Protein backbone atom coordinates (compact mmCIF):
# COMPACT_ATOMS: atom_id res chain seq x y z
CA UNK A 1 -53.49 35.59 -76.67
CA UNK A 2 -56.40 38.42 -77.30
CA UNK A 3 -55.30 41.80 -77.69
CA UNK A 4 -56.57 44.62 -76.35
CA UNK A 5 -55.60 47.26 -78.82
CA UNK A 6 -54.50 46.85 -82.89
CA UNK A 7 -53.55 49.92 -84.26
CA UNK A 8 -52.08 51.11 -87.96
CA UNK A 9 -49.80 54.09 -86.90
CA UNK A 10 -49.22 55.08 -83.54
CA UNK A 11 -51.76 57.39 -81.04
CA UNK A 12 -53.19 59.58 -80.98
CA UNK A 13 -55.90 58.10 -82.78
CA UNK A 14 -57.63 59.45 -85.81
CA UNK A 15 -60.23 57.08 -85.97
CA UNK A 16 -61.17 54.31 -83.48
CA UNK A 17 -63.84 51.46 -83.04
CA UNK A 18 -64.22 48.82 -80.40
CA UNK A 19 -65.24 45.35 -81.58
CA UNK A 20 -65.55 41.91 -79.50
CA UNK A 21 -63.51 44.11 -76.79
CA UNK A 22 -60.77 44.97 -78.91
CA UNK A 23 -60.08 48.66 -79.91
CA UNK A 24 -59.01 48.90 -83.53
CA UNK A 25 -57.47 52.34 -84.78
CA UNK A 26 -55.67 54.54 -86.90
CA UNK A 27 -53.00 56.62 -85.34
CA UNK A 28 -51.80 60.09 -86.50
CA UNK A 29 -48.11 59.06 -86.14
CA UNK A 30 -47.73 56.93 -89.63
CA UNK A 31 -44.28 55.11 -88.45
CA UNK A 32 -45.55 51.41 -88.42
CA UNK A 33 -48.46 49.91 -86.03
CA UNK A 34 -48.75 48.00 -83.05
CA UNK A 35 -50.77 45.28 -81.09
CA UNK A 36 -50.98 45.73 -77.60
CA UNK A 37 -51.12 42.17 -75.88
CA UNK A 38 -51.94 42.01 -72.16
CA UNK A 39 -49.37 41.23 -69.69
CA UNK A 40 -46.23 41.53 -71.74
CA UNK A 41 -44.17 41.62 -68.43
CA UNK A 42 -44.61 39.84 -65.08
CA UNK A 43 -46.40 42.57 -62.79
CA UNK A 44 -44.26 43.77 -60.17
CA UNK A 45 -44.48 46.17 -57.05
CA UNK A 46 -43.09 48.98 -59.00
CA UNK A 47 -46.29 49.10 -61.16
CA UNK A 48 -48.39 49.69 -58.18
CA UNK A 49 -46.13 53.05 -57.33
CA UNK A 50 -46.20 54.11 -60.78
CA UNK A 51 -50.18 53.35 -61.38
CA UNK A 52 -51.66 54.18 -57.64
CA UNK A 53 -49.02 56.71 -56.21
CA UNK A 54 -50.99 59.86 -57.06
CA UNK A 55 -54.13 58.23 -55.63
CA UNK A 56 -52.65 57.37 -52.38
CA UNK A 57 -50.91 60.67 -52.10
CA UNK A 58 -54.68 62.21 -52.46
CA UNK A 59 -56.52 59.56 -50.33
CA UNK A 60 -54.41 58.13 -47.68
CA UNK A 61 -56.70 55.52 -46.93
CA UNK A 62 -56.01 53.64 -50.24
CA UNK A 63 -52.49 52.91 -48.73
CA UNK A 64 -53.51 49.85 -47.01
CA UNK A 65 -54.95 48.10 -50.04
CA UNK A 66 -52.35 49.37 -52.21
CA UNK A 67 -49.82 47.75 -49.89
CA UNK A 68 -51.57 44.53 -49.73
CA UNK A 69 -51.45 44.32 -53.67
CA UNK A 70 -47.78 45.37 -53.60
CA UNK A 71 -47.03 42.59 -51.25
CA UNK A 72 -48.76 39.87 -53.03
CA UNK A 73 -47.12 40.98 -55.99
CA UNK A 74 -43.47 41.04 -54.32
CA UNK A 75 -44.28 37.44 -53.11
CA UNK A 76 -45.23 36.07 -56.30
CA UNK A 77 -48.81 35.19 -55.21
CA UNK A 78 -50.41 36.03 -58.36
CA UNK A 79 -53.81 34.60 -57.69
CA UNK A 80 -54.52 36.31 -54.14
CA UNK A 81 -53.12 39.60 -55.97
CA UNK A 82 -56.34 39.38 -58.06
CA UNK A 83 -58.35 39.47 -55.21
CA UNK A 84 -56.36 42.52 -53.69
CA UNK A 85 -57.21 44.15 -57.00
CA UNK A 86 -60.69 43.92 -56.55
CA UNK A 87 -60.27 45.47 -53.08
CA UNK A 88 -58.34 48.43 -54.11
CA UNK A 89 -60.76 48.99 -56.99
CA UNK A 90 -63.59 49.17 -54.24
CA UNK A 91 -61.57 51.59 -52.07
CA UNK A 92 -60.89 53.64 -55.42
CA UNK A 93 -64.63 53.91 -56.03
CA UNK A 94 -65.49 55.28 -52.69
CA UNK A 95 -62.36 57.63 -52.52
CA UNK A 96 -62.65 61.51 -53.63
CA UNK A 97 -59.85 61.81 -56.10
CA UNK A 98 -58.95 64.62 -58.72
CA UNK A 99 -59.62 63.35 -62.63
CA UNK A 100 -56.19 62.72 -63.55
CA UNK A 101 -55.30 60.34 -60.36
CA UNK A 102 -58.69 58.75 -60.66
CA UNK A 103 -57.80 58.28 -64.49
CA UNK A 104 -54.48 56.70 -63.79
CA UNK A 105 -55.72 54.67 -60.98
CA UNK A 106 -58.55 53.42 -63.18
CA UNK A 107 -56.02 52.61 -65.83
CA UNK A 108 -53.79 50.52 -63.34
CA UNK A 109 -56.77 48.63 -62.25
CA UNK A 110 -57.46 47.55 -65.88
CA UNK A 111 -53.73 46.94 -66.79
CA UNK A 112 -52.89 45.09 -63.76
CA UNK A 113 -55.83 42.98 -63.78
CA UNK A 114 -55.04 42.06 -67.68
CA UNK A 115 -51.62 41.30 -66.38
CA UNK A 116 -52.90 39.02 -63.98
CA UNK A 117 -55.23 37.07 -66.17
CA UNK A 118 -54.99 33.53 -67.33
CA UNK A 119 -54.28 34.84 -71.10
CA UNK A 120 -51.60 37.30 -70.21
CA UNK A 121 -48.48 36.98 -72.28
CA UNK A 122 -46.01 36.12 -69.50
CA UNK A 123 -48.17 33.18 -68.18
CA UNK A 124 -48.05 31.16 -71.72
CA UNK A 125 -45.52 28.53 -72.74
CA UNK A 126 -42.34 29.66 -74.42
CA UNK A 127 -43.08 28.22 -78.01
CA UNK A 128 -46.38 30.39 -77.80
CA UNK A 129 -44.59 33.86 -76.67
CA UNK A 130 -41.94 33.28 -79.51
CA UNK A 131 -44.65 32.32 -82.14
CA UNK A 132 -46.81 35.55 -81.29
CA UNK A 133 -43.74 38.06 -81.11
CA UNK A 134 -42.24 36.26 -84.54
CA UNK A 135 -45.58 36.90 -86.40
CA UNK A 136 -44.94 40.61 -87.00
CA UNK A 137 -41.59 40.33 -88.50
CA UNK A 138 -42.35 37.12 -90.22
CA UNK A 139 -45.28 39.16 -91.90
CA UNK A 140 -42.54 42.06 -92.94
CA UNK A 141 -40.74 39.13 -94.45
CA UNK A 142 -43.24 37.14 -96.43
CA UNK A 143 -44.75 40.52 -97.77
CA UNK A 144 -41.23 41.50 -99.09
CA UNK A 145 -40.84 38.02 -100.85
CA UNK A 146 -44.43 38.02 -102.28
CA UNK A 147 -44.07 41.43 -103.42
CA UNK A 148 -40.49 40.67 -105.18
CA UNK A 149 -42.09 37.59 -106.77
CA UNK A 150 -44.81 39.61 -108.21
CA UNK A 151 -42.73 42.18 -109.69
CA UNK A 152 -40.66 39.33 -111.22
CA UNK A 153 -43.88 37.76 -112.71
CA UNK A 154 -45.03 41.17 -113.96
CA UNK A 155 -41.92 42.12 -115.92
CA UNK A 156 -39.30 42.75 -113.61
CA UNK A 157 -37.44 39.37 -114.26
CA UNK A 158 -34.59 39.06 -116.65
CA UNK A 159 -33.79 42.33 -118.21
CA UNK A 160 -33.75 42.64 -122.00
CA UNK A 161 -31.95 45.06 -124.32
CA UNK A 162 -34.96 46.97 -125.33
CA UNK A 163 -35.64 50.42 -123.51
CA UNK A 164 -38.67 50.82 -121.71
CA UNK A 165 -38.40 54.07 -120.26
CA UNK A 166 -36.55 57.44 -120.44
CA UNK A 167 -36.07 59.75 -117.48
CA UNK A 168 -36.40 63.58 -118.73
CA UNK A 169 -33.73 65.93 -117.84
CA UNK A 170 -31.22 63.08 -117.99
CA UNK A 171 -28.64 62.26 -120.97
CA UNK A 172 -30.43 59.77 -122.29
CA UNK A 173 -33.33 62.00 -123.29
CA UNK A 174 -30.76 64.87 -124.51
CA UNK A 175 -29.10 62.32 -126.68
CA UNK A 176 -32.23 61.24 -128.22
CA UNK A 177 -32.70 57.55 -126.76
CA UNK A 178 -36.44 56.65 -127.12
CA UNK A 179 -38.51 54.00 -125.63
CA UNK A 180 -38.49 50.84 -127.98
CA UNK A 181 -34.88 51.47 -128.78
CA UNK A 182 -33.05 48.10 -128.40
CA UNK A 183 -29.17 48.74 -127.41
CA UNK A 184 -27.09 46.59 -129.77
CA UNK A 185 -23.65 48.00 -128.53
CA UNK A 186 -21.81 50.53 -126.64
CA UNK A 187 -18.81 51.82 -128.18
CA UNK A 188 -18.73 49.06 -130.68
CA UNK A 189 -19.06 46.29 -128.03
CA UNK A 190 -21.78 44.11 -128.17
CA UNK A 191 -23.11 43.30 -124.44
CA UNK A 192 -25.71 41.53 -122.24
CA UNK A 193 -27.98 43.47 -120.43
CA UNK A 194 -26.27 43.04 -117.39
CA UNK A 195 -23.14 44.15 -119.17
CA UNK A 196 -25.00 47.51 -120.72
CA UNK A 197 -25.50 48.54 -116.89
CA UNK A 198 -22.18 47.59 -115.86
CA UNK A 199 -20.36 49.57 -118.56
CA UNK A 200 -22.36 52.82 -117.99
CA UNK A 201 -21.86 52.57 -114.03
CA UNK A 202 -17.99 52.06 -114.71
CA UNK A 203 -17.77 54.78 -117.18
CA UNK A 204 -16.81 57.47 -114.66
CA UNK A 205 -18.24 59.81 -116.86
CA UNK A 206 -16.33 59.28 -120.21
CA UNK A 207 -18.13 59.77 -123.37
CA UNK A 208 -20.09 56.78 -124.43
CA UNK A 209 -21.40 56.03 -127.94
CA UNK A 210 -24.74 54.02 -128.23
CA UNK A 211 -25.65 51.76 -131.10
CA UNK A 212 -29.46 51.29 -130.85
CA UNK A 213 -31.77 49.40 -133.44
CA UNK A 214 -34.94 51.68 -133.67
CA UNK A 215 -37.64 50.29 -136.41
CA UNK A 216 -35.19 47.86 -137.79
CA UNK A 217 -32.61 50.33 -138.69
CA UNK A 218 -29.07 50.83 -136.87
CA UNK A 219 -28.78 54.32 -135.24
CA UNK A 220 -25.70 55.69 -133.55
CA UNK A 221 -26.16 58.25 -130.74
CA UNK A 222 -23.86 60.29 -128.84
CA UNK A 223 -21.11 60.59 -127.54
CA UNK A 224 -23.13 61.01 -124.33
CA UNK A 225 -21.72 61.30 -120.96
CA UNK A 226 -23.26 59.57 -117.73
CA UNK A 227 -24.13 61.74 -114.84
CA UNK A 228 -23.49 60.58 -111.30
CA UNK A 229 -26.57 60.02 -109.10
CA UNK A 230 -26.77 58.37 -105.63
CA UNK A 231 -23.27 57.52 -106.07
CA UNK A 232 -23.62 55.66 -109.35
CA UNK A 233 -23.14 56.92 -112.91
CA UNK A 234 -26.55 56.91 -115.05
CA UNK A 235 -28.04 57.76 -118.27
CA UNK A 236 -31.40 58.03 -117.03
CA UNK A 237 -33.35 54.93 -118.89
CA UNK A 238 -34.67 51.81 -117.58
CA UNK A 239 -34.60 48.49 -119.57
CA UNK A 240 -37.72 46.25 -120.14
CA UNK A 241 -37.82 43.22 -118.17
CA UNK A 242 -39.01 39.88 -119.33
CA UNK A 243 -41.61 38.25 -117.15
CA UNK A 244 -40.91 34.98 -114.97
CA UNK A 245 -43.08 32.34 -114.19
CA UNK A 246 -44.56 31.56 -111.09
CA UNK A 247 -41.81 29.25 -109.99
CA UNK A 248 -38.69 30.57 -111.01
CA UNK A 249 -40.08 34.28 -109.76
CA UNK A 250 -40.55 32.63 -106.31
CA UNK A 251 -37.14 31.17 -106.09
CA UNK A 252 -35.63 34.34 -107.71
CA UNK A 253 -37.51 36.37 -104.95
CA UNK A 254 -36.26 34.22 -102.13
CA UNK A 255 -32.33 34.32 -103.46
CA UNK A 256 -33.07 38.20 -103.30
CA UNK A 257 -34.34 38.16 -100.06
CA UNK A 258 -31.37 36.09 -98.89
CA UNK A 259 -28.83 38.51 -100.33
CA UNK A 260 -30.62 41.53 -99.00
CA UNK A 261 -30.60 39.73 -95.48
CA UNK A 262 -26.65 38.89 -95.77
CA UNK A 263 -25.87 42.48 -97.18
CA UNK A 264 -28.02 43.87 -94.31
CA UNK A 265 -26.18 41.55 -91.45
CA UNK A 266 -22.73 42.71 -92.78
CA UNK A 267 -23.76 46.40 -92.40
CA UNK A 268 -24.91 45.95 -88.96
CA UNK A 269 -21.74 43.85 -88.24
CA UNK A 270 -19.66 46.64 -89.70
CA UNK A 271 -21.21 49.08 -87.24
CA UNK A 272 -19.78 47.20 -84.19
CA UNK A 273 -16.45 47.87 -85.91
CA UNK A 274 -17.28 51.74 -86.62
CA UNK A 275 -17.74 51.15 -90.20
CA UNK A 276 -20.86 51.25 -92.13
CA UNK A 277 -22.29 54.44 -90.26
CA UNK A 278 -23.19 56.13 -93.70
CA UNK A 279 -25.38 52.88 -94.69
CA UNK A 280 -27.81 53.97 -91.89
CA UNK A 281 -31.01 55.77 -92.65
CA UNK A 282 -34.02 57.54 -90.88
CA UNK A 283 -37.48 57.81 -91.68
CA UNK A 284 -36.52 60.97 -93.29
CA UNK A 285 -34.40 59.11 -95.76
CA UNK A 286 -36.97 56.42 -96.20
CA UNK A 287 -39.57 58.82 -97.53
CA UNK A 288 -36.85 60.54 -99.78
CA UNK A 289 -35.91 57.31 -101.09
CA UNK A 290 -39.31 56.14 -101.55
CA UNK A 291 -40.17 59.50 -103.47
CA UNK A 292 -37.21 59.48 -105.55
CA UNK A 293 -38.16 55.65 -106.45
CA UNK A 294 -41.70 56.73 -107.26
CA UNK A 295 -40.33 59.59 -109.54
CA UNK A 296 -38.55 56.91 -111.57
CA UNK A 297 -41.62 54.82 -111.72
CA UNK A 298 -44.16 53.17 -109.95
CA UNK A 299 -42.83 49.49 -110.29
CA UNK A 300 -39.20 51.22 -108.81
CA UNK A 301 -40.97 52.05 -105.68
CA UNK A 302 -42.56 48.83 -105.38
CA UNK A 303 -38.90 47.28 -105.23
CA UNK A 304 -37.93 50.25 -102.57
CA UNK A 305 -41.27 49.04 -100.64
CA UNK A 306 -40.53 45.53 -100.36
CA UNK A 307 -36.69 46.42 -99.41
CA UNK A 308 -38.18 48.78 -96.55
CA UNK A 309 -40.33 45.83 -95.23
CA UNK A 310 -37.39 43.30 -95.12
CA UNK A 311 -35.03 46.05 -93.45
CA UNK A 312 -37.87 46.77 -90.69
CA UNK A 313 -38.15 42.73 -90.26
CA UNK A 314 -34.21 42.30 -90.04
CA UNK A 315 -33.94 45.38 -87.58
CA UNK A 316 -37.01 44.27 -85.43
CA UNK A 317 -35.38 40.89 -84.84
CA UNK A 318 -32.01 42.13 -83.25
CA UNK A 319 -31.82 40.71 -79.65
CA UNK A 320 -32.45 43.79 -78.01
CA UNK A 321 -35.39 44.90 -75.92
CA UNK A 322 -37.70 46.25 -76.47
CA UNK A 323 -37.45 44.90 -80.08
CA UNK A 324 -39.32 41.80 -81.19
CA UNK A 325 -36.08 40.02 -81.15
CA UNK A 326 -35.07 40.42 -77.65
CA UNK A 327 -38.51 39.29 -76.24
CA UNK A 328 -38.00 36.05 -78.52
CA UNK A 329 -34.38 35.89 -77.06
CA UNK A 330 -35.89 36.15 -73.46
CA UNK A 331 -38.54 33.76 -74.04
CA UNK A 332 -36.35 31.05 -75.09
CA UNK A 333 -33.87 31.79 -72.09
CA UNK A 334 -36.90 31.06 -69.73
CA UNK A 335 -37.89 28.45 -71.57
CA UNK A 336 -34.27 26.54 -71.43
CA UNK A 337 -34.07 27.76 -67.89
CA UNK A 338 -37.61 26.64 -66.75
CA UNK A 339 -38.23 29.80 -64.68
CA UNK A 340 -38.81 33.29 -65.52
CA UNK A 341 -36.13 36.31 -65.52
CA UNK A 342 -36.26 38.60 -63.16
CA UNK A 343 -38.12 41.94 -63.76
CA UNK A 344 -35.29 44.28 -63.17
CA UNK A 345 -32.82 42.31 -65.49
CA UNK A 346 -35.88 42.98 -67.98
CA UNK A 347 -35.78 46.74 -67.20
CA UNK A 348 -31.86 47.04 -67.52
CA UNK A 349 -31.81 45.05 -70.92
CA UNK A 350 -34.40 47.31 -71.92
CA UNK A 351 -32.78 50.77 -71.05
CA UNK A 352 -29.51 49.54 -73.05
CA UNK A 353 -31.75 48.55 -75.88
CA UNK A 354 -33.60 51.70 -76.08
CA UNK A 355 -30.15 53.46 -76.15
CA UNK A 356 -28.87 51.55 -78.88
CA UNK A 357 -32.13 52.05 -80.94
CA UNK A 358 -31.96 55.93 -80.33
CA UNK A 359 -28.43 56.20 -81.37
CA UNK A 360 -29.19 54.43 -84.58
CA UNK A 361 -32.08 57.02 -85.42
CA UNK A 362 -29.54 60.04 -84.71
CA UNK A 363 -26.99 58.45 -86.76
CA UNK A 364 -29.63 58.00 -89.49
CA UNK A 365 -30.96 61.26 -89.27
CA UNK A 366 -27.72 62.74 -89.08
CA UNK A 367 -26.76 61.18 -92.22
CA UNK A 368 -30.10 61.99 -93.91
CA UNK A 369 -29.48 65.66 -93.15
CA UNK A 370 -25.94 65.45 -94.38
CA UNK A 371 -27.44 64.11 -97.95
CA UNK A 372 -30.31 66.65 -97.99
CA UNK A 373 -27.90 69.56 -97.27
CA UNK A 374 -25.42 68.26 -99.99
């Protein structure tokens, strides 16, 4: 299926160019991207009203060819409807219309002709439609898997006891912890790297004494109290990771992707029971979280970027129109039934889906405003 538009970001366009009949562009609204595929829905008489209503009001002689096109679409005679589009276009070319009505009518001619073409989305077999729609979320998931694997291979694998970085203004910096120190014990107890994190996170702010190996010497630091940040007690340092080989890194990435997918599924399921509301975030929270991660380090930012990509894929796969998951669900239903689902059903389900997505957005925005406001 040949797309007509391929954008990074959403219009209005900052930059656009046309090659081989496809308009490529960069949109001013940086909230994702889109590909416009001709004929996402079977053309219906209501489309004729939307596109040509203003033109008919200004030029009543267009009513006859418009009514003919409407009738062909209502009867499902799509081959004959293509001829009716040509007749209507000829009539439009010989009518006197205002600039606004003419632009709307010309857009209607173009989109109706695309929707009636042999390469229109709705004319394709179910497996082709599912493949095309699945490509977007699948790319988000693949990007996350490859990014996680790369991070595991570049030092984000299994943790060590060696301190890699210190955050200024945090307790670790105040107590004198330095990059290169190896944490031997906390409160006299020797711990694994995971145990070090767990001990600090579970301290609830009580004083901790760190025993570190620095340049071959044993040094005692503290006592020092961890501070609560994003709901977790932290001292403000990062442990150095031990790089993994390709196979272990890829396997760890798959396991992480599976675990995150499971947790996101649980969170979405909890929303049905009125729980998990605080786990939702809007683009405001995404930007804030990304900025915080970037402040901690570029590697932390890349981890967050992978999680965002995976979250977007899973949200987009929800079986709600106009999300990709809704299109996949309806394509499968039509493939099983052997005939198309009525346009009015698409529109009703889309109205419900849009309402739910908008509701999620406002819940997330409310959470973000509450967090920013303390």
